[in-house]
Structure formats: C-alpha cells, structure tokens
Amino acid sequence: MIGPPTAVQHLCFVGVPVGRRNESELQRNPLVSEPARERAERLANLLASIVESSNDAIVSKNLDGIITSWNKAAERIFGYSAPEAIGQPITLVIPKDRQSEEREILTRIRRGERIDHYETVRQRKDGSSIIVSLTVSPVKDAHGNIVGASKIARDITEQKRTQEQISVLAREAEHRSKNILSNVQAIINLSQSDTSESLKEVISGRIQAMANVHSLFVKTRWIGAEVSAIAKQELAPYLDEGHDTRVRIEGLQTVLEPTIAQAIAVVLHELTTNASKYGALSDAKGQISLRWSRSEDGQLALCWTELGGPRVNAPERMGFGSRLIEGTISQLGGKARFDWRSEGLVCEIALQT
C-alpha cells in the first residue's frame, strides 16, 4: 500500500512526474538544470558588475537607515571606503541641517513609495558639500515585504554650477544690452548737425567708439578695459610713427569696469574729434597731453590738455560734444570741467570707480 504523498512525489524533472526516488537518483538529476544555474549566476555577476562600474553612487540600506552596500562610485563621490561606510547610518553623508530629509525618505519607503530625481545637498568625508540628484526605491524580500531601500545618487554639482554661470551670464548680457541701447539712444538724442550726412558721420563715430571699447572687454572676458588701451584706440591716428611727439599719454595701469570704461571711451572720442576739427590736432604743431591717476579710495582723475593749436575762445554756449561729455559723466555721479584757455582746451574728469 502506498502511504500518503510526500514532497518528493510532487517534484518533476523536465516536466516528468516523479514518484519515490532514491537519494542517489535525486543527486544525479538536480531540480535545476546546470545551464539555468549558469545563466542565473551570469546575470547576478552582470548585475554586480553594472553596480560596481556605474558612475553613480549606488547604495543600499535597511529600514533603520543603516548602510548595507556601497559601490565604487559612492567611494569616489563621498570619500568613504566601503568598509568605512557599511554598517554606519546613512546620515554619515547628510548635513546636520538636512537630517529631517532621511526621516521623510524612510517614511515614504515604508509606504512602498519611490522617490525620483530628488535634488539635495550631501556632505563628503572631507566636509565639503556636493549637490546630488537622488532616486530612492523600496527593496523587497522574496515574500514581498519591504526590507530596505536602494539609493542612486548622481553628483550634479558641476552641472548646477554651469547652470548658475549661464544664468549669471544671461542676466549680465541682458543688463549690458540694455545699457548699450540706452547709451546709443543718448548719443542719438544729443547728436545734431547741419546736414543728414554729417549727422550720420557724428553718430557713426560715437557708436564706433563704443564698439572699440567693447573689443577690449572681450579680451579681458568683460572684466573691464585699461585706460591707456582706451586712449590709444581713440588717438591711434596721432600715435603713428612720426606723430608720437604730438600726443603724450601718462598714467599708471588702471583697469576700469565696463560701465565706466565705456563712458571714458565716449569722452575721449568727443575730445579727440573736437581737437582734430577745431583744436590742437587741427594744427601740425599742436599737442595733446592726457594724464590720469586713481586715488586709494577709487577716485579717478583724468586731465586732457591741448597746446599749440589755434587760439581758443570760450564758447557762448555749450556745444553738443561738451553736453554729451557732461551728461555721460554726471550719470555716473562724476564731474566734468572745461577750461577754455587761449592756448588750448583743458578738460578735467573726476569720477568714482
């Protein structure tokens, strides 16, 4: 008589029902075929290799927040080796002012929730902070019970820094564009001439002066422009060989931030244009002296002096060039003074930099 069925009676080998078999036969015919075992081992090794070779930190922890695994990327990103991290609470890498985040994460994990691309700040072993994007998922056992969590952390510090730089540059570009357009509008409003052609020439020259100084900004990555470089741009025709004795430029290396450098470029353009038409540069024997200094408190003092040109008479009213100079400097809180001496014009600029 056959007794009650046993577990062995319900097993099968490659789909064939099995009755009672002796132990040696079971050993010869394992429950899982060899190729299936190899495949399972190969998949497990592949998964382990993916985790270890990932550029993202992949960490697991139990429901008490204790670290149970720590891959190579986690070592690189956070600075702790696997032996240092495993067995420690995950708060090891969480700044003190963000400890509450971990409580919230564990609460959500216990509810079976997944947390996707959560951007936050974490702390390295050396104390430095990094910005990370976290993805946290529940880990379940064979019975479907949640026993822990896996975390994937991507270091996005450089990405965030780049985004911030782009935002700063965009805001700066907007500010500069508005500033340029405002200056162009002021130039047009203050420009007058007897004919349309001469008016076009006047406006073109003033805008070109702005363009010239902007080329200097590009060379310094918008740090600013040096006074002597601005002056040499405007006085270039009179600094050629054979004319260098006509223009003297004296002053220490002084870099001006873009807004002030642009104003000085416009001022020097107006003075040079006036001198070439009516002042010292209209006479072969005329000379220009340009000197500047900056005090310890940042006060720029610039002096333009003309000598040897036609006799000068003080104008009955301020011309458009003088008005443009005065308006440009006063907008920046500075002062422009004109002294129409008989031997030549003297223009003094005082401006806080």
Foldseek 3Di string as FASTA:
>chain_A
DDDDADPQQDADAPPHGDGDDDPVVCVVGDSDDPVVVVVVVVVVVVVVVCQQPDLWWKWKDWLVQATAFTHPNNCVPQVDDGVRRHRHGPCVWADPVCPVVVVVVSVCLQVQDKDFQDWDWTAHPVGDIFIWGKTKGFDADPVRHGTIIMIIIDGCRVVVVVVVVVVVVVVVVVVVVVVLVVLLVVQLVLFDDDDPVVSVVSSVLLNVLLVVQVVQCVVVVQQFHWPVSLLCVLCVVQCPPPRVQQEAEDEDTDGDHHLVRSLVSSLSNLVSVCCCPANQVVDPPKHWYWYWYADPQQKIKIKIWIADTAFWDDDPDDGSSRVSNQVSQVVQVKGWDWDGHRGGIMIMIIHGD
